[in-house]
Amino acid sequence: MNSDTPQHESITGIDKPSADLAKRVEDLESRLAYQEHWLDSLDATIASQERRMMELERINRLMQQRLRELSADNERDLGDTPGPEDELPPHY
């Protein structure tokens, strides 16, 4: 073998290990971009769900407050008068 000729050089000028490495790096970059896209998408979904949950919690607090007000008004109006929910059914 002549010492002037490179041993790993192919016809295309790129040796096989370098081509394999370049392909693997390209595949990894592609996978990383795909994962970043999905992370951004999931982040937006979680932010949207958090806003919705906060709105539902606000509505729940308002409904609980309104229910307490109605219950207090009902007790004030009825006093000790038994209501329909206090009566026993006829078969007892």
N, C-alpha and C. Protein backbone atom coordinates (compact mmCIF):
# COMPACT_ATOMS: atom_id res chain seq x y z
N MET A 1 0.81 -1.17 0.00
CA MET A 1 0.00 0.00 0.00
C MET A 1 0.85 1.23 0.00
N ASN A 2 0.42 2.19 -0.75
CA ASN A 2 1.16 3.44 -0.86
C ASN A 2 0.75 4.37 0.27
N SER A 3 1.67 5.05 0.90
CA SER A 3 1.37 5.93 2.03
C SER A 3 0.76 7.24 1.56
N ASP A 4 0.76 7.52 0.25
CA ASP A 4 0.17 8.75 -0.26
C ASP A 4 -1.35 8.66 -0.42
N THR A 5 -1.94 7.50 -0.47
CA THR A 5 -3.38 7.35 -0.68
C THR A 5 -4.09 7.20 0.66
N PRO A 6 -5.17 7.98 0.86
CA PRO A 6 -5.94 7.84 2.10
C PRO A 6 -6.61 6.48 2.16
N GLN A 7 -6.70 5.92 3.35
CA GLN A 7 -7.22 4.58 3.51
C GLN A 7 -8.74 4.55 3.64
N HIS A 8 -9.40 5.58 4.20
CA HIS A 8 -10.82 5.54 4.47
C HIS A 8 -11.66 6.38 3.51
N GLU A 9 -11.07 6.96 2.55
CA GLU A 9 -11.80 7.85 1.64
C GLU A 9 -12.52 7.03 0.58
N SER A 10 -13.81 7.35 0.37
CA SER A 10 -14.58 6.66 -0.65
C SER A 10 -14.62 7.50 -1.91
N ILE A 11 -15.35 7.04 -2.88
CA ILE A 11 -15.48 7.74 -4.15
C ILE A 11 -16.15 9.09 -3.95
N THR A 12 -17.13 9.19 -3.04
CA THR A 12 -17.87 10.43 -2.82
C THR A 12 -17.07 11.44 -2.00
N GLY A 13 -15.98 11.03 -1.41
CA GLY A 13 -15.17 11.94 -0.62
C GLY A 13 -15.55 11.93 0.86
N ILE A 14 -16.61 11.19 1.22
CA ILE A 14 -17.03 11.10 2.62
C ILE A 14 -16.89 9.65 3.04
N ASP A 15 -16.19 9.41 4.14
CA ASP A 15 -16.05 8.03 4.57
C ASP A 15 -17.32 7.53 5.24
N LYS A 16 -17.50 6.27 5.33
CA LYS A 16 -18.72 5.63 5.82
C LYS A 16 -19.06 6.04 7.26
N PRO A 17 -18.13 6.03 8.20
CA PRO A 17 -18.48 6.43 9.57
C PRO A 17 -18.98 7.88 9.65
N SER A 18 -18.43 8.78 8.88
CA SER A 18 -18.88 10.17 8.90
C SER A 18 -20.29 10.30 8.34
N ALA A 19 -20.61 9.54 7.30
CA ALA A 19 -21.96 9.57 6.72
C ALA A 19 -22.97 9.02 7.72
N ASP A 20 -22.60 7.92 8.40
CA ASP A 20 -23.48 7.36 9.42
C ASP A 20 -23.70 8.34 10.56
N LEU A 21 -22.64 8.97 10.99
CA LEU A 21 -22.73 9.94 12.08
C LEU A 21 -23.60 11.13 11.67
N ALA A 22 -23.43 11.62 10.47
CA ALA A 22 -24.24 12.74 9.98
C ALA A 22 -25.72 12.36 9.93
N LYS A 23 -26.01 11.16 9.49
CA LYS A 23 -27.39 10.67 9.44
C LYS A 23 -27.98 10.57 10.84
N ARG A 24 -27.20 10.04 11.79
CA ARG A 24 -27.69 9.93 13.16
C ARG A 24 -27.95 11.30 13.78
N VAL A 25 -27.05 12.24 13.54
CA VAL A 25 -27.23 13.60 14.07
C VAL A 25 -28.47 14.23 13.45
N GLU A 26 -28.67 14.05 12.17
CA GLU A 26 -29.86 14.59 11.49
C GLU A 26 -31.14 13.97 12.07
N ASP A 27 -31.11 12.66 12.31
CA ASP A 27 -32.28 12.00 12.91
C ASP A 27 -32.56 12.53 14.32
N LEU A 28 -31.52 12.72 15.09
CA LEU A 28 -31.69 13.25 16.45
C LEU A 28 -32.22 14.69 16.42
N GLU A 29 -31.72 15.50 15.51
CA GLU A 29 -32.22 16.87 15.39
C GLU A 29 -33.70 16.88 14.99
N SER A 30 -34.07 15.98 14.12
CA SER A 30 -35.46 15.87 13.70
C SER A 30 -36.35 15.46 14.88
N ARG A 31 -35.91 14.47 15.64
CA ARG A 31 -36.68 14.03 16.81
C ARG A 31 -36.78 15.14 17.85
N LEU A 32 -35.71 15.88 18.04
CA LEU A 32 -35.71 16.98 19.00
C LEU A 32 -36.70 18.06 18.58
N ALA A 33 -36.71 18.40 17.30
CA ALA A 33 -37.65 19.40 16.81
C ALA A 33 -39.09 18.94 17.00
N TYR A 34 -39.34 17.67 16.74
CA TYR A 34 -40.68 17.10 16.92
C TYR A 34 -41.09 17.16 18.39
N GLN A 35 -40.19 16.80 19.30
CA GLN A 35 -40.49 16.84 20.73
C GLN A 35 -40.70 18.27 21.21
N GLU A 36 -39.91 19.21 20.73
CA GLU A 36 -40.10 20.61 21.10
C GLU A 36 -41.47 21.12 20.66
N HIS A 37 -41.88 20.70 19.46
CA HIS A 37 -43.20 21.09 18.96
C HIS A 37 -44.29 20.57 19.90
N TRP A 38 -44.20 19.31 20.30
CA TRP A 38 -45.21 18.73 21.17
C TRP A 38 -45.17 19.32 22.57
N LEU A 39 -43.98 19.66 23.06
CA LEU A 39 -43.89 20.32 24.36
C LEU A 39 -44.56 21.69 24.32
N ASP A 40 -44.35 22.44 23.24
CA ASP A 40 -45.02 23.73 23.10
C ASP A 40 -46.53 23.55 23.04
N SER A 41 -46.98 22.54 22.32
CA SER A 41 -48.41 22.27 22.21
C SER A 41 -49.00 21.87 23.56
N LEU A 42 -48.31 21.01 24.29
CA LEU A 42 -48.78 20.60 25.61
C LEU A 42 -48.79 21.78 26.59
N ASP A 43 -47.79 22.63 26.50
CA ASP A 43 -47.72 23.81 27.36
C ASP A 43 -48.93 24.72 27.11
N ALA A 44 -49.27 24.93 25.86
CA ALA A 44 -50.43 25.77 25.53
C ALA A 44 -51.72 25.12 26.04
N THR A 45 -51.83 23.81 25.93
CA THR A 45 -53.02 23.10 26.41
C THR A 45 -53.14 23.22 27.92
N ILE A 46 -52.04 23.06 28.63
CA ILE A 46 -52.07 23.16 30.09
C ILE A 46 -52.43 24.57 30.52
N ALA A 47 -51.89 25.57 29.86
CA ALA A 47 -52.22 26.96 30.19
C ALA A 47 -53.71 27.22 29.97
N SER A 48 -54.25 26.69 28.89
CA SER A 48 -55.68 26.85 28.60
C SER A 48 -56.52 26.16 29.66
N GLN A 49 -56.14 24.96 30.06
CA GLN A 49 -56.87 24.23 31.09
C GLN A 49 -56.79 24.93 32.43
N GLU A 50 -55.65 25.53 32.73
CA GLU A 50 -55.51 26.26 33.99
C GLU A 50 -56.45 27.47 34.02
N ARG A 51 -56.53 28.19 32.90
CA ARG A 51 -57.46 29.33 32.83
C ARG A 51 -58.90 28.86 33.00
N ARG A 52 -59.26 27.76 32.36
CA ARG A 52 -60.61 27.22 32.46
C ARG A 52 -60.92 26.77 33.89
N MET A 53 -59.96 26.11 34.53
CA MET A 53 -60.15 25.65 35.89
C MET A 53 -60.33 26.83 36.84
N MET A 54 -59.57 27.89 36.66
CA MET A 54 -59.72 29.07 37.50
C MET A 54 -61.10 29.69 37.32
N GLU A 55 -61.60 29.72 36.09
CA GLU A 55 -62.93 30.25 35.82
C GLU A 55 -64.00 29.37 36.48
N LEU A 56 -63.85 28.06 36.38
CA LEU A 56 -64.81 27.15 37.01
C LEU A 56 -64.78 27.27 38.54
N GLU A 57 -63.61 27.46 39.11
CA GLU A 57 -63.52 27.65 40.56
C GLU A 57 -64.21 28.95 40.97
N ARG A 58 -64.06 29.99 40.18
CA ARG A 58 -64.72 31.26 40.46
C ARG A 58 -66.24 31.09 40.41
N ILE A 59 -66.72 30.41 39.39
CA ILE A 59 -68.16 30.16 39.26
C ILE A 59 -68.66 29.32 40.43
N ASN A 60 -67.88 28.32 40.83
CA ASN A 60 -68.25 27.47 41.97
C ASN A 60 -68.38 28.30 43.24
N ARG A 61 -67.43 29.19 43.50
CA ARG A 61 -67.51 30.04 44.69
C ARG A 61 -68.76 30.91 44.65
N LEU A 62 -69.06 31.48 43.49
CA LEU A 62 -70.26 32.31 43.37
C LEU A 62 -71.53 31.50 43.62
N MET A 63 -71.58 30.30 43.09
CA MET A 63 -72.76 29.45 43.28
C MET A 63 -72.91 29.05 44.75
N GLN A 64 -71.81 28.73 45.42
CA GLN A 64 -71.87 28.38 46.84
C GLN A 64 -72.36 29.58 47.66
N GLN A 65 -71.85 30.76 47.33
CA GLN A 65 -72.29 31.96 48.04
C GLN A 65 -73.78 32.20 47.82
N ARG A 66 -74.23 32.06 46.59
CA ARG A 66 -75.64 32.26 46.27
C ARG A 66 -76.52 31.21 46.98
N LEU A 67 -76.07 29.99 47.04
CA LEU A 67 -76.81 28.93 47.72
C LEU A 67 -76.92 29.23 49.22
N ARG A 68 -75.83 29.69 49.83
CA ARG A 68 -75.89 30.07 51.25
C ARG A 68 -76.88 31.21 51.46
N GLU A 69 -76.87 32.20 50.56
CA GLU A 69 -77.80 33.33 50.68
C GLU A 69 -79.24 32.85 50.56
N LEU A 70 -79.51 31.98 49.58
CA LEU A 70 -80.87 31.46 49.41
C LEU A 70 -81.30 30.63 50.61
N SER A 71 -80.38 29.84 51.16
CA SER A 71 -80.69 29.03 52.33
C SER A 71 -81.00 29.92 53.52
N ALA A 72 -80.21 30.97 53.71
CA ALA A 72 -80.45 31.89 54.82
C ALA A 72 -81.78 32.62 54.63
N ASP A 73 -82.08 33.05 53.42
CA ASP A 73 -83.36 33.71 53.14
C ASP A 73 -84.52 32.76 53.39
N ASN A 74 -84.38 31.51 53.00
CA ASN A 74 -85.42 30.51 53.18
C ASN A 74 -85.67 30.25 54.66
N GLU A 75 -84.62 30.14 55.44
CA GLU A 75 -84.77 29.92 56.88
C GLU A 75 -85.44 31.11 57.55
N ARG A 76 -85.07 32.31 57.13
CA ARG A 76 -85.64 33.52 57.68
C ARG A 76 -87.13 33.61 57.36
N ASP A 77 -87.49 33.27 56.12
CA ASP A 77 -88.89 33.37 55.69
C ASP A 77 -89.76 32.30 56.33
N LEU A 78 -89.24 31.09 56.47
CA LEU A 78 -90.06 29.98 56.97
C LEU A 78 -90.04 29.85 58.48
N GLY A 79 -88.96 30.25 59.10
CA GLY A 79 -88.85 30.10 60.54
C GLY A 79 -88.90 28.65 60.94
N ASP A 80 -89.84 28.32 61.87
CA ASP A 80 -89.97 26.94 62.34
C ASP A 80 -91.05 26.17 61.60
N THR A 81 -91.63 26.74 60.56
CA THR A 81 -92.67 26.07 59.81
C THR A 81 -92.05 24.90 59.04
N PRO A 82 -92.58 23.69 59.23
CA PRO A 82 -92.01 22.55 58.49
C PRO A 82 -92.28 22.68 56.99
N GLY A 83 -91.33 22.31 56.22
CA GLY A 83 -91.45 22.35 54.77
C GLY A 83 -91.78 20.99 54.22
N PRO A 84 -91.98 20.90 52.91
CA PRO A 84 -92.31 19.60 52.28
C PRO A 84 -91.24 18.55 52.51
N GLU A 85 -90.00 18.96 52.62
CA GLU A 85 -88.94 17.98 52.83
C GLU A 85 -88.98 17.40 54.25
N ASP A 86 -89.70 18.08 55.17
CA ASP A 86 -89.81 17.60 56.55
C ASP A 86 -91.00 16.66 56.74
N GLU A 87 -91.91 16.61 55.83
CA GLU A 87 -93.10 15.78 55.98
C GLU A 87 -92.81 14.33 55.64
N LEU A 88 -93.46 13.42 56.38
CA LEU A 88 -93.31 12.01 56.09
C LEU A 88 -94.28 11.61 54.96
N PRO A 89 -93.89 10.69 54.14
CA PRO A 89 -94.80 10.22 53.10
C PRO A 89 -96.04 9.56 53.71
N PRO A 90 -97.16 9.50 53.01
CA PRO A 90 -98.42 8.98 53.56
C PRO A 90 -98.34 7.53 54.02
N HIS A 91 -97.48 6.72 53.49
CA HIS A 91 -97.46 5.30 53.85
C HIS A 91 -96.72 5.03 55.17
N TYR A 92 -96.23 6.04 55.88
CA TYR A 92 -95.57 5.83 57.18
C TYR A 92 -96.52 5.96 58.29
